[in-house]
C-alpha atoms as a PDB file:
ATOM      1  CA  SER A   1      63.369  13.946  18.803  1.00  0.00           C
ATOM      2  CA  ILE A   2      64.502  15.376  22.135  1.00  0.00           C
ATOM      3  CA  ASP A   3      65.650  18.999  22.124  1.00  0.00           C
ATOM      4  CA  GLY A   4      68.657  20.278  24.025  1.00  0.00           C
ATOM      5  CA  GLY A   5      66.551  21.356  26.971  1.00  0.00           C
ATOM      6  CA  GLY A   6      65.489  17.801  27.695  1.00  0.00           C
ATOM      7  CA  GLY A   7      61.970  18.226  26.328  1.00  0.00           C
ATOM      8  CA  PHE A   8      60.287  16.854  23.237  1.00  0.00           C
ATOM      9  CA  GLU A   9      60.413  18.879  20.060  1.00  0.00           C
ATOM     10  CA  GLU A  10      56.956  19.019  18.485  1.00  0.00           C
ATOM     11  CA  GLN A  11      56.923  17.765  14.901  1.00  0.00           C
ATOM     12  CA  GLU A  12      54.186  18.274  12.343  1.00  0.00           C
ATOM     13  CA  LEU A  13      53.229  14.858  10.978  1.00  0.00           C
ATOM     14  CA  PRO A  14      52.109  14.554   7.359  1.00  0.00           C
ATOM     15  CA  THR A  15      48.362  14.377   6.803  1.00  0.00           C
ATOM     16  CA  ILE A  16      47.411  10.903   5.541  1.00  0.00           C
ATOM     17  CA  PRO A  17      44.262  10.648   3.461  1.00  0.00           C
ATOM     18  CA  PRO A  18      42.007   7.587   3.788  1.00  0.00           C
ATOM     19  CA  LEU A  19      43.311   4.424   2.123  1.00  0.00           C
ATOM     20  CA  TRP A  20      40.378   4.254  -0.269  1.00  0.00           C
ATOM     21  CA  GLN A  21      41.531   7.538  -1.796  1.00  0.00           C
ATOM     22  CA  LEU A  22      45.079   6.324  -2.373  1.00  0.00           C
ATOM     23  CA  GLY A  23      46.559   4.449  -5.269  1.00  0.00           C
ATOM     24  CA  VAL A  24      49.740   2.470  -4.971  1.00  0.00           C
ATOM     25  CA  ALA A  25      51.738   5.266  -6.573  1.00  0.00           C
ATOM     26  CA  ASN A  26      50.435   7.771  -4.050  1.00  0.00           C
ATOM     27  CA  LEU A  27      51.356   5.461  -1.190  1.00  0.00           C
ATOM     28  CA  LYS A  28      54.920   5.232  -2.464  1.00  0.00           C
ATOM     29  CA  ILE A  29      55.199   9.007  -2.681  1.00  0.00           C
ATOM     30  CA  MET A  30      53.625   9.465   0.753  1.00  0.00           C
ATOM     31  CA  GLY A  31      56.214   7.147   2.239  1.00  0.00           C
ATOM     32  CA  ASP A  32      59.198   8.658   0.425  1.00  0.00           C
ATOM     33  CA  HIS A  33      60.385  11.656   2.412  1.00  0.00           C
ATOM     34  CA  THR A  34      63.947  11.878   1.139  1.00  0.00           C
ATOM     35  CA  GLU A  35      65.204  15.192  -0.081  1.00  0.00           C
ATOM     36  CA  GLY A  36      65.445  13.886  -3.635  1.00  0.00           C
ATOM     37  CA  GLY A  37      62.115  12.165  -3.773  1.00  0.00           C
ATOM     38  CA  ASN A  38      59.936  14.606  -1.905  1.00  0.00           C
ATOM     39  CA  SER A  39      59.797  18.203  -0.817  1.00  0.00           C
ATOM     40  CA  THR A  40      59.445  17.296   2.842  1.00  0.00           C
ATOM     41  CA  PRO A  41      62.092  19.202   4.830  1.00  0.00           C
ATOM     42  CA  PRO A  42      64.978  17.220   6.367  1.00  0.00           C
ATOM     43  CA  GLY A  43      64.294  15.834   9.817  1.00  0.00           C
ATOM     44  CA  ARG A  44      60.664  15.056   8.981  1.00  0.00           C
ATOM     45  CA  ARG A  45      61.149  11.870   7.028  1.00  0.00           C
ATOM     46  CA  GLY A  46      58.360   9.270   7.206  1.00  0.00           C
ATOM     47  CA  ARG A  47      58.683   5.517   6.897  1.00  0.00           C
ATOM     48  CA  ARG A  48      58.388   3.817   3.572  1.00  0.00           C
ATOM     49  CA  PRO A  49      55.445   1.366   3.306  1.00  0.00           C
ATOM     50  CA  SER A  50      56.500  -2.258   3.460  1.00  0.00           C
ATOM     51  CA  LYS A  51      56.269  -4.511   0.417  1.00  0.00           C
ATOM     52  CA  LEU A  52      53.525  -6.475   2.159  1.00  0.00           C
ATOM     53  CA  HIS A  53      51.545  -3.265   2.640  1.00  0.00           C
ATOM     54  CA  LEU A  54      51.892  -2.388  -1.027  1.00  0.00           C
ATOM     55  CA  VAL A  55      50.827  -5.873  -2.105  1.00  0.00           C
ATOM     56  CA  MET A  56      47.736  -5.687   0.149  1.00  0.00           C
ATOM     57  CA  VAL A  57      46.690  -2.311  -1.184  1.00  0.00           C
ATOM     58  CA  ASN A  58      47.307  -3.412  -4.752  1.00  0.00           C
ATOM     59  CA  ASN A  59      45.192  -6.541  -4.203  1.00  0.00           C
ATOM     60  CA  LEU A  60      42.396  -4.501  -2.621  1.00  0.00           C
ATOM     61  CA  SER A  61      42.219  -2.251  -5.656  1.00  0.00           C
ATOM     62  CA  ALA A  62      42.119  -5.235  -8.025  1.00  0.00           C
ATOM     63  CA  THR A  63      39.570  -7.434  -6.222  1.00  0.00           C
ATOM     64  CA  PRO A  64      35.790  -7.028  -6.099  1.00  0.00           C
ATOM     65  CA  PRO A  65      34.136  -5.690  -2.930  1.00  0.00           C
ATOM     66  CA  LEU A  66      33.352  -8.104  -0.122  1.00  0.00           C
ATOM     67  CA  ARG A  67      29.654  -7.249  -0.236  1.00  0.00           C
ATOM     68  CA  PRO A  68      28.315  -5.562  -3.370  1.00  0.00           C
ATOM     69  CA  VAL A  69      25.536  -3.035  -2.823  1.00  0.00           C
ATOM     70  CA  GLN A  70      22.682  -3.889  -5.162  1.00  0.00           C
ATOM     71  CA  ASN A  71      20.633  -1.134  -6.668  1.00  0.00           C
ATOM     72  CA  LEU A  72      17.050  -1.462  -5.430  1.00  0.00           C
ATOM     73  CA  PHE A  73      15.652  -0.885  -8.915  1.00  0.00           C
ATOM     74  CA  ASP A  74      17.791  -3.657 -10.447  1.00  0.00           C
ATOM     75  CA  THR A  75      15.585  -6.237  -8.732  1.00  0.00           C
ATOM     76  CA  ASP A  76      11.989  -7.261  -9.401  1.00  0.00           C
ATOM     77  CA  TYR A  77      10.818  -4.660  -6.888  1.00  0.00           C
ATOM     78  CA  THR A  78       8.155  -2.394  -8.326  1.00  0.00           C
ATOM     79  CA  PRO A  79       8.236   1.078  -6.784  1.00  0.00           C
ATOM     80  CA  VAL A  80       5.016   2.552  -5.446  1.00  0.00           C
ATOM     81  CA  ILE A  81       3.476   5.096  -7.807  1.00  0.00           C
ATOM     82  CA  VAL A  82       2.440   8.166  -5.831  1.00  0.00           C
ATOM     83  CA  ARG A  83      -0.680   9.804  -7.233  1.00  0.00           C
ATOM     84  CA  LEU A  84      -1.507  12.156  -4.363  1.00  0.00           C
ATOM     85  CA  ASP A  85      -1.121  15.227  -6.563  1.00  0.00           C
ATOM     86  CA  GLU A  86      -3.228  13.867  -9.410  1.00  0.00           C
ATOM     87  CA  ALA A  87      -6.867  14.791  -9.837  1.00  0.00           C
ATOM     88  CA  VAL A  88      -9.476  12.172  -8.975  1.00  0.00           C
ATOM     89  CA  PHE A  89     -11.242  12.969 -12.235  1.00  0.00           C
ATOM     90  CA  ALA A  90      -9.363  13.788 -15.416  1.00  0.00           C
ATOM     91  CA  THR A  91     -10.069  16.961 -17.362  1.00  0.00           C
ATOM     92  CA  GLY A  92     -10.278  17.763 -21.045  1.00  0.00           C
ATOM     93  CA  GLN A  93     -11.635  15.988 -24.097  1.00  0.00           C
ATOM     94  CA  GLU A  94      -9.699  12.841 -23.219  1.00  0.00           C
ATOM     95  CA  ASP A  95     -12.487  12.160 -20.698  1.00  0.00           C
ATOM     96  CA  LEU A  96     -14.646  10.831 -23.520  1.00  0.00           C
ATOM     97  CA  MET A  97     -12.031   8.386 -24.762  1.00  0.00           C
ATOM     98  CA  GLY A  98     -10.366   5.218 -23.517  1.00  0.00           C
ATOM     99  CA  LEU A  99     -13.246   3.055 -22.262  1.00  0.00           C
ATOM    100  CA  GLN A 100     -14.459  -0.044 -24.083  1.00  0.00           C
ATOM    101  CA  GLY A 101     -18.242   0.067 -24.260  1.00  0.00           C
ATOM    102  CA  ASP A 102     -18.849  -2.751 -21.771  1.00  0.00           C
ATOM    103  CA  VAL A 103     -20.545  -3.139 -18.396  1.00  0.00           C
ATOM    104  CA  ALA A 104     -17.312  -2.358 -16.514  1.00  0.00           C
ATOM    105  CA  SER A 105     -16.915   0.924 -18.419  1.00  0.00           C
ATOM    106  CA  ILE A 106     -20.502   1.968 -17.722  1.00  0.00           C
ATOM    107  CA  ALA A 107     -20.142   1.021 -14.035  1.00  0.00           C
ATOM    108  CA  THR A 108     -16.943   3.078 -13.799  1.00  0.00           C
ATOM    109  CA  ILE A 109     -18.717   6.187 -15.084  1.00  0.00           C
ATOM    110  CA  CYS A 110     -21.678   5.615 -12.762  1.00  0.00           C
ATOM    111  CA  ALA A 111     -19.335   5.275  -9.780  1.00  0.00           C
ATOM    112  CA  GLN A 112     -17.604   8.567 -10.613  1.00  0.00           C
ATOM    113  CA  MET A 113     -20.938  10.282 -11.077  1.00  0.00           C
ATOM    114  CA  SER A 114     -22.170   8.905  -7.737  1.00  0.00           C
ATOM    115  CA  PHE A 115     -19.272  10.545  -5.881  1.00  0.00           C
ATOM    116  CA  LEU A 116     -19.847  13.860  -7.609  1.00  0.00           C
ATOM    117  CA  ILE A 117     -23.609  13.755  -7.017  1.00  0.00           C
ATOM    118  CA  ASP A 118     -23.005  13.334  -3.275  1.00  0.00           C
ATOM    119  CA  LYS A 119     -20.524  16.233  -3.382  1.00  0.00           C
ATOM    120  CA  GLU A 120     -22.984  18.368  -5.311  1.00  0.00           C
ATOM    121  CA  ALA A 121     -25.663  17.769  -2.668  1.00  0.00           C
ATOM    122  CA  LEU A 122     -23.281  18.840   0.102  1.00  0.00           C
ATOM    123  CA  LEU A 123     -22.270  21.993  -1.757  1.00  0.00           C
ATOM    124  CA  ASP A 124     -25.887  22.960  -2.327  1.00  0.00           C
ATOM    125  CA  ASP A 125     -26.369  22.984   1.455  1.00  0.00           C
ATOM    126  CA  GLU A 126     -23.403  25.324   1.961  1.00  0.00           C
ATOM    127  CA  THR A 127     -22.904  29.002   1.268  1.00  0.00           C
ATOM    128  CA  ARG A 128     -19.711  29.194  -0.760  1.00  0.00           C
ATOM    129  CA  GLN A 129     -17.981  32.010  -2.584  1.00  0.00           C
ATOM    130  CA  ASP A 130     -15.835  29.837  -4.867  1.00  0.00           C
ATOM    131  CA  ASN A 131     -16.675  28.078  -8.127  1.00  0.00           C
ATOM    132  CA  LEU A 132     -16.440  24.530  -6.771  1.00  0.00           C
ATOM    133  CA  SER A 133     -20.136  23.852  -7.401  1.00  0.00           C
ATOM    134  CA  ASP A 134     -19.745  24.914 -11.031  1.00  0.00           C
ATOM    135  CA  LEU A 135     -16.700  22.685 -11.375  1.00  0.00           C
ATOM    136  CA  VAL A 136     -18.587  19.669  -9.998  1.00  0.00           C
ATOM    137  CA  ARG A 137     -21.473  20.260 -12.400  1.00  0.00           C
ATOM    138  CA  GLU A 138     -19.056  20.620 -15.288  1.00  0.00           C
ATOM    139  CA  HIS A 139     -17.529  17.243 -14.504  1.00  0.00           C
ATOM    140  CA  LEU A 140     -20.975  15.699 -14.127  1.00  0.00           C
ATOM    141  CA  ASN A 141     -21.974  16.959 -17.568  1.00  0.00           C
ATOM    142  CA  LYS A 142     -18.823  15.499 -19.121  1.00  0.00           C
ATOM    143  CA  LEU A 143     -19.422  12.155 -17.456  1.00  0.00           C
ATOM    144  CA  TYR A 144     -23.037  12.175 -18.617  1.00  0.00           C
ATOM    145  CA  GLU A 145     -21.856  12.642 -22.211  1.00  0.00           C
ATOM    146  CA  GLN A 146     -19.412   9.801 -21.756  1.00  0.00           C
ATOM    147  CA  LEU A 147     -22.156   7.628 -20.270  1.00  0.00           C
ATOM    148  CA  HIS A 148     -24.215   8.145 -23.447  1.00  0.00           C
ATOM    149  CA  VAL A 149     -21.245   7.108 -25.590  1.00  0.00           C
ATOM    150  CA  GLU A 150     -20.560   3.933 -23.594  1.00  0.00           C
ATOM    151  CA  CYS A 151     -24.220   2.907 -23.445  1.00  0.00           C
ATOM    152  CA  HIS A 152     -24.519   3.388 -27.199  1.00  0.00           C
ATOM    153  CA  ASN A 153     -21.399   1.299 -27.797  1.00  0.00           C
ATOM    154  CA  TYR A 154     -22.770  -1.470 -25.591  1.00  0.00           C
ATOM    155  CA  MET A 155     -26.330  -1.490 -26.956  1.00  0.00           C
ATOM    156  CA  PRO A 156     -26.471   0.732 -30.078  1.00  0.00           C
ATOM    157  CA  ASP A 157     -30.257   0.566 -30.548  1.00  0.00           C
ATOM    158  CA  ALA A 158     -31.296   1.062 -26.895  1.00  0.00           C
ATOM    159  CA  HIS A 159     -31.990   4.166 -24.834  1.00  0.00           C
ATOM    160  CA  ILE A 160     -29.627   4.924 -21.947  1.00  0.00           C
ATOM    161  CA  GLN A 161     -32.332   4.017 -19.417  1.00  0.00           C
ATOM    162  CA  GLU A 162     -32.848   0.621 -21.043  1.00  0.00           C
ATOM    163  CA  VAL A 163     -29.099  -0.049 -20.973  1.00  0.00           C
ATOM    164  CA  LEU A 164     -28.762   0.853 -17.285  1.00  0.00           C
ATOM    165  CA  TYR A 165     -31.639  -1.398 -16.214  1.00  0.00           C
ATOM    166  CA  THR A 166     -30.748  -4.240 -18.578  1.00  0.00           C
ATOM    167  CA  THR A 167     -27.269  -4.383 -17.066  1.00  0.00           C
ATOM    168  CA  GLY A 168     -28.653  -3.934 -13.540  1.00  0.00           C
ATOM    169  CA  LEU A 169     -26.632  -0.778 -12.930  1.00  0.00           C
ATOM    170  CA  GLY A 170     -29.771   1.330 -12.728  1.00  0.00           C
ATOM    171  CA  PHE A 171     -30.700  -0.470  -9.500  1.00  0.00           C
ATOM    172  CA  LEU A 172     -27.201  -0.138  -8.027  1.00  0.00           C
ATOM    173  CA  PHE A 173     -26.844   3.586  -8.763  1.00  0.00           C
ATOM    174  CA  PRO A 174     -30.238   5.145  -7.977  1.00  0.00           C
ATOM    175  CA  SER A 175     -28.648   8.569  -7.427  1.00  0.00           C
ATOM    176  CA  VAL A 176     -27.408   8.549 -11.028  1.00  0.00           C
ATOM    177  CA  ILE A 177     -30.899   7.661 -12.273  1.00  0.00           C
ATOM    178  CA  ASP A 178     -32.355  10.580 -10.317  1.00  0.00           C
ATOM    179  CA  ARG A 179     -29.617  13.024 -11.374  1.00  0.00           C
ATOM    180  CA  VAL A 180     -30.080  12.424 -15.109  1.00  0.00           C
ATOM    181  CA  GLN A 181     -33.876  12.545 -14.616  1.00  0.00           C
ATOM    182  CA  LEU A 182     -34.676   8.998 -15.613  1.00  0.00           C
ATOM    183  CA  GLU A 183     -37.622   7.043 -14.254  1.00  0.00           C
ATOM    184  CA  ARG A 184     -36.876   4.614 -11.447  1.00  0.00           C
ATOM    185  CA  ARG A 185     -37.989   1.019 -11.815  1.00  0.00           C
ATOM    186  CA  ALA A 186     -39.027  -1.297  -9.034  1.00  0.00           C
ATOM    187  CA  CYS A 187     -36.508  -3.970  -8.148  1.00  0.00           C
ATOM    188  CA  GLN A 188     -37.427  -7.393  -6.876  1.00  0.00           C
ATOM    189  CA  GLY A 189     -35.299  -8.203  -3.888  1.00  0.00           C
ATOM    190  CA  LYS A 190     -32.780  -6.262  -1.845  1.00  0.00           C
ATOM    191  CA  VAL A 191     -31.187  -3.250  -3.533  1.00  0.00           C
ATOM    192  CA  VAL A 192     -27.630  -2.517  -2.413  1.00  0.00           C
ATOM    193  CA  THR A 193     -26.544   0.967  -3.386  1.00  0.00           C
ATOM    194  CA  PHE A 194     -23.017   1.975  -4.318  1.00  0.00           C
ATOM    195  CA  GLN A 195     -22.292   3.507  -0.916  1.00  0.00           C
ATOM    196  CA  GLU A 196     -23.531   0.354   0.831  1.00  0.00           C
ATOM    197  CA  TYR A 197     -21.345  -1.720  -1.477  1.00  0.00           C
ATOM    198  CA  LEU A 198     -18.254   0.312  -0.560  1.00  0.00           C
ATOM    199  CA  SER A 199     -19.039   0.055   3.150  1.00  0.00           C
ATOM    200  CA  HIS A 200     -19.494  -3.716   2.983  1.00  0.00           C
ATOM    201  CA  MET A 201     -16.294  -4.215   1.001  1.00  0.00           C
ATOM    202  CA  ALA A 202     -14.436  -2.156   3.602  1.00  0.00           C
ATOM    203  CA  GLN A 203     -15.793  -4.406   6.372  1.00  0.00           C
ATOM    204  CA  LEU A 204     -14.730  -7.541   4.490  1.00  0.00           C
ATOM    205  CA  ASN A 205     -11.271  -6.104   3.951  1.00  0.00           C
ATOM    206  CA  GLN A 206     -10.978  -5.228   7.630  1.00  0.00           C
ATOM    207  CA  ALA A 207     -11.836  -8.764   8.720  1.00  0.00           C
ATOM    208  CA  PHE A 208      -9.482 -10.289   6.135  1.00  0.00           C
ATOM    209  CA  SER A 209      -6.543  -7.994   6.973  1.00  0.00           C
ATOM    210  CA  MET A 210      -6.910  -8.529  10.724  1.00  0.00           C
ATOM    211  CA  SER A 211      -7.071 -12.305  10.270  1.00  0.00           C
ATOM    212  CA  GLN A 212      -4.035 -12.311   8.016  1.00  0.00           C
ATOM    213  CA  GLN A 213      -2.041 -10.259  10.524  1.00  0.00           C
ATOM    214  CA  LEU A 214      -2.985 -12.578  13.386  1.00  0.00           C
ATOM    215  CA  ARG A 215      -2.075 -15.686  11.413  1.00  0.00           C
ATOM    216  CA  ASP A 216       1.332 -14.229  10.537  1.00  0.00           C
ATOM    217  CA  ASP A 217       1.912 -13.237  14.178  1.00  0.00           C
ATOM    218  CA  CYS A 218       1.458 -16.839  15.304  1.00  0.00           C
ATOM    219  CA  ASN A 219       5.104 -17.384  14.326  1.00  0.00           C
ATOM    220  CA  SER A 220       6.313 -14.460  16.417  1.00  0.00           C
ATOM    221  CA  ASN A 221       8.381 -14.897  19.593  1.00  0.00           C
ATOM    222  CA  ASN A 222       6.350 -12.266  21.415  1.00  0.00           C
ATOM    223  CA  HIS A 223       2.553 -12.526  21.668  1.00  0.00           C
ATOM    224  CA  LYS A 224       2.061  -9.644  24.057  1.00  0.00           C
ATOM    225  CA  TYR A 225      -0.605  -7.928  21.948  1.00  0.00           C
ATOM    226  CA  ILE A 226      -2.371 -11.003  20.553  1.00  0.00           C
ATOM    227  CA  ALA A 227      -5.343 -10.638  22.917  1.00  0.00           C
ATOM    228  CA  HIS A 228      -5.828  -7.036  21.821  1.00  0.00           C
ATOM    229  CA  GLN A 229      -5.645  -8.076  18.162  1.00  0.00           C
ATOM    230  CA  ILE A 230      -8.208 -10.828  18.691  1.00  0.00           C
ATOM    231  CA  ALA A 231     -10.519  -8.278  20.313  1.00  0.00           C
ATOM    232  CA  LEU A 232     -10.176  -6.113  17.187  1.00  0.00           C
ATOM    233  CA  LEU A 233     -10.973  -9.100  14.983  1.00  0.00           C
ATOM    234  CA  TYR A 234     -14.034  -9.829  17.131  1.00  0.00           C
ATOM    235  CA  GLN A 235     -15.168  -6.255  16.577  1.00  0.00           C
ATOM    236  CA  CYS A 236     -14.633  -6.590  12.818  1.00  0.00           C
ATOM    237  CA  LEU A 237     -16.820  -9.691  12.824  1.00  0.00           C
ATOM    238  CA  SER A 238     -19.619  -7.865  14.660  1.00  0.00           C
ATOM    239  CA  TYR A 239     -20.955  -6.030  11.608  1.00  0.00           C
ATOM    240  CA  GLN A 240     -24.486  -7.230  11.041  1.00  0.00           C
ATOM    241  CA  ASN A 241     -24.251  -7.747   7.295  1.00  0.00           C
ATOM    242  CA  LEU A 242     -21.179 -10.011   7.540  1.00  0.00           C
ATOM    243  CA  ARG A 243     -23.117 -12.878   9.140  1.00  0.00           C
ATOM    244  CA  THR A 244     -20.069 -14.216  10.955  1.00  0.00           C
ATOM    245  CA  GLN A 245     -21.632 -15.159  14.281  1.00  0.00           C
ATOM    246  CA  GLN A 246     -20.048 -18.625  14.087  1.00  0.00           C
ATOM    247  CA  PHE A 247     -16.572 -17.089  14.375  1.00  0.00           C
ATOM    248  CA  LYS A 248     -17.570 -14.912  17.311  1.00  0.00           C
ATOM    249  CA  LYS A 249     -18.795 -18.023  19.114  1.00  0.00           C
ATOM    250  CA  ARG A 250     -15.428 -19.688  18.522  1.00  0.00           C
ATOM    251  CA  ILE A 251     -13.564 -16.711  20.007  1.00  0.00           C
ATOM    252  CA  GLU A 252     -15.651 -16.154  23.134  1.00  0.00           C
ATOM    253  CA  PRO A 253     -14.761 -19.349  25.091  1.00  0.00           C
ATOM    254  CA  GLU A 254     -11.035 -19.047  24.288  1.00  0.00           C
ATOM    255  CA  PHE A 255     -10.456 -15.360  24.835  1.00  0.00           C
ATOM    256  CA  GLU A 256      -9.944 -15.289  28.621  1.00  0.00           C
ATOM    257  CA  ASP A 257      -7.303 -18.046  28.523  1.00  0.00           C
ATOM    258  CA  LEU A 258      -5.476 -16.257  25.727  1.00  0.00           C
ATOM    259  CA  LYS A 259      -5.584 -13.029  27.665  1.00  0.00           C
ATOM    260  CA  ARG A 260      -4.130 -14.657  30.785  1.00  0.00           C
ATOM    261  CA  THR A 261      -1.342 -16.201  28.726  1.00  0.00           C
ATOM    262  CA  THR A 262      -0.355 -12.846  27.250  1.00  0.00           C
ATOM    263  CA  GLU A 263      -0.269 -11.181  30.676  1.00  0.00           C
ATOM    264  CA  GLN A 264       2.048 -13.679  32.400  1.00  0.00           C
ATOM    265  CA  ALA A 265       5.414 -12.449  31.119  1.00  0.00           C
ATOM    266  CA  ALA A 266       7.156  -9.505  29.549  1.00  0.00           C
ATOM    267  CA  GLN A 267       7.434 -11.483  26.285  1.00  0.00           C
ATOM    268  CA  PRO A 268       4.636 -14.040  26.491  1.00  0.00           C
ATOM    269  CA  GLN A 269       4.161 -16.839  23.990  1.00  0.00           C
ATOM    270  CA  LEU A 270       1.040 -18.790  23.169  1.00  0.00           C
ATOM    271  CA  THR A 271       0.991 -22.499  23.817  1.00  0.00           C
ATOM    272  CA  PRO A 272       1.180 -24.822  20.778  1.00  0.00           C
ATOM    273  CA  LYS A 273      -2.522 -25.601  21.226  1.00  0.00           C
ATOM    274  CA  GLN A 274      -3.432 -21.910  21.265  1.00  0.00           C
ATOM    275  CA  ARG A 275      -1.316 -21.255  18.158  1.00  0.00           C
ATOM    276  CA  GLU A 276      -3.049 -24.049  16.273  1.00  0.00           C
ATOM    277  CA  TRP A 277      -6.467 -22.771  17.332  1.00  0.00           C
ATOM    278  CA  LEU A 278      -5.610 -19.241  16.165  1.00  0.00           C
ATOM    279  CA  ARG A 279      -4.245 -20.448  12.818  1.00  0.00           C
ATOM    280  CA  SER A 280      -7.392 -22.470  12.207  1.00  0.00           C
ATOM    281  CA  LEU A 281      -9.694 -19.578  13.128  1.00  0.00           C
ATOM    282  CA  THR A 282      -7.937 -16.948  11.025  1.00  0.00           C
ATOM    283  CA  THR A 283      -7.609 -19.254   8.014  1.00  0.00           C
ATOM    284  CA  ASP A 284     -11.340 -19.995   8.124  1.00  0.00           C
ATOM    285  CA  VAL A 285     -12.204 -16.291   8.362  1.00  0.00           C
ATOM    286  CA  MET A 286      -9.997 -15.463   5.370  1.00  0.00           C
ATOM    287  CA  GLU A 287     -11.584 -18.203   3.281  1.00  0.00           C
ATOM    288  CA  VAL A 288     -15.144 -17.206   4.157  1.00  0.00           C
ATOM    289  CA  VAL A 289     -14.814 -13.456   3.529  1.00  0.00           C
ATOM    290  CA  THR A 290     -13.301 -14.084   0.090  1.00  0.00           C
ATOM    291  CA  ASP A 291     -15.971 -16.578  -0.985  1.00  0.00           C
ATOM    292  CA  PHE A 292     -18.399 -14.539  -3.058  1.00  0.00           C
ATOM    293  CA  ASN A 293     -20.790 -17.454  -3.271  1.00  0.00           C
ATOM    294  CA  GLY A 294     -21.064 -17.835   0.493  1.00  0.00           C
ATOM    295  CA  PRO A 295     -23.370 -16.334   3.125  1.00  0.00           C
ATOM    296  CA  VAL A 296     -20.896 -13.677   4.306  1.00  0.00           C
ATOM    297  CA  THR A 297     -21.010 -11.972   0.923  1.00  0.00           C
ATOM    298  CA  ALA A 298     -24.725 -12.591   0.293  1.00  0.00           C
ATOM    299  CA  PHE A 299     -25.273  -8.878   0.881  1.00  0.00           C
ATOM    300  CA  LEU A 300     -23.350  -8.225  -2.365  1.00  0.00           C
ATOM    301  CA  HIS A 301     -25.016 -10.805  -4.585  1.00  0.00           C
ATOM    302  CA  SER A 302     -26.772  -8.123  -6.652  1.00  0.00           C
ATOM    303  CA  TRP A 303     -23.344  -6.616  -7.369  1.00  0.00           C
ATOM    304  CA  VAL A 304     -21.781  -9.999  -8.061  1.00  0.00           C
ATOM    305  CA  ASP A 305     -24.507 -10.741 -10.615  1.00  0.00           C
ATOM    306  CA  VAL A 306     -23.894  -7.466 -12.438  1.00  0.00           C
ATOM    307  CA  LEU A 307     -20.095  -7.466 -12.321  1.00  0.00           C
ATOM    308  CA  ALA A 308     -19.948 -11.116 -13.403  1.00  0.00           C
ATOM    309  CA  HIS A 309     -20.668  -9.867 -16.934  1.00  0.00           C
ATOM    310  CA  THR A 310     -17.686  -7.478 -16.981  1.00  0.00           C
ATOM    311  CA  GLY A 311     -15.072 -10.103 -17.828  1.00  0.00           C
END
């Protein structure tokens, strides 16, 4: 309203909460500013909501949401289990339980012992004031007891040394043989130790993962970093034990053209011919590095022969 002096009289407007907090009844009360229906002083009456407004609000409260928000854990998604705070090796008497007296169980114990034996050797070369060395030896003793139990369950009438060499694990874990003071036996052919096995598996995984990423990126609209990724794949294929020279020879004559293509625009794209070549290359690499009967994995054949009896 305009006051007598010709200016505007300031009025305090009612505070309106968000619509999602209001029911229909509250909207009616908010709009009713008569002396009988509300305590709002005279001269500050608001407008009643229209019937259309009331119908809309009523319908909104009675209809489902336009886009329901689905709980992530109501789907088939399996959450990642975080085990960063858990010990690598369990403690207590439960250590001696739970395995099944087969080659896989014996190999599991030997692998754990191998890690601890390497750690023990490093600690012996250091001057330490804590009890970590004692803790490592304690775990080694528990695993040694468990190894006896599993070997007995697998071959009840055989000595632990006979079990380890009959299964082939004695050749794959020479550090375990030395640590438990057993006699080493000569092995015909190449002996691949546990650490060499882990290193080779890591190289295979690197080549597979890089190839898979490159094959997926073929469908991208931006191939700016493809040349760099191919260079990384080439490096992955350079490990001597992988025997993948044939793939390196396929990359070398194509690399410069691919590099020029990726440097021509801010968002470069490979030609259809280059995409097809890259898909073919990466698919072949993935097939070869996962073929445990092929030449790329020949380095692991001693492990394949042993672990083939774990099923």
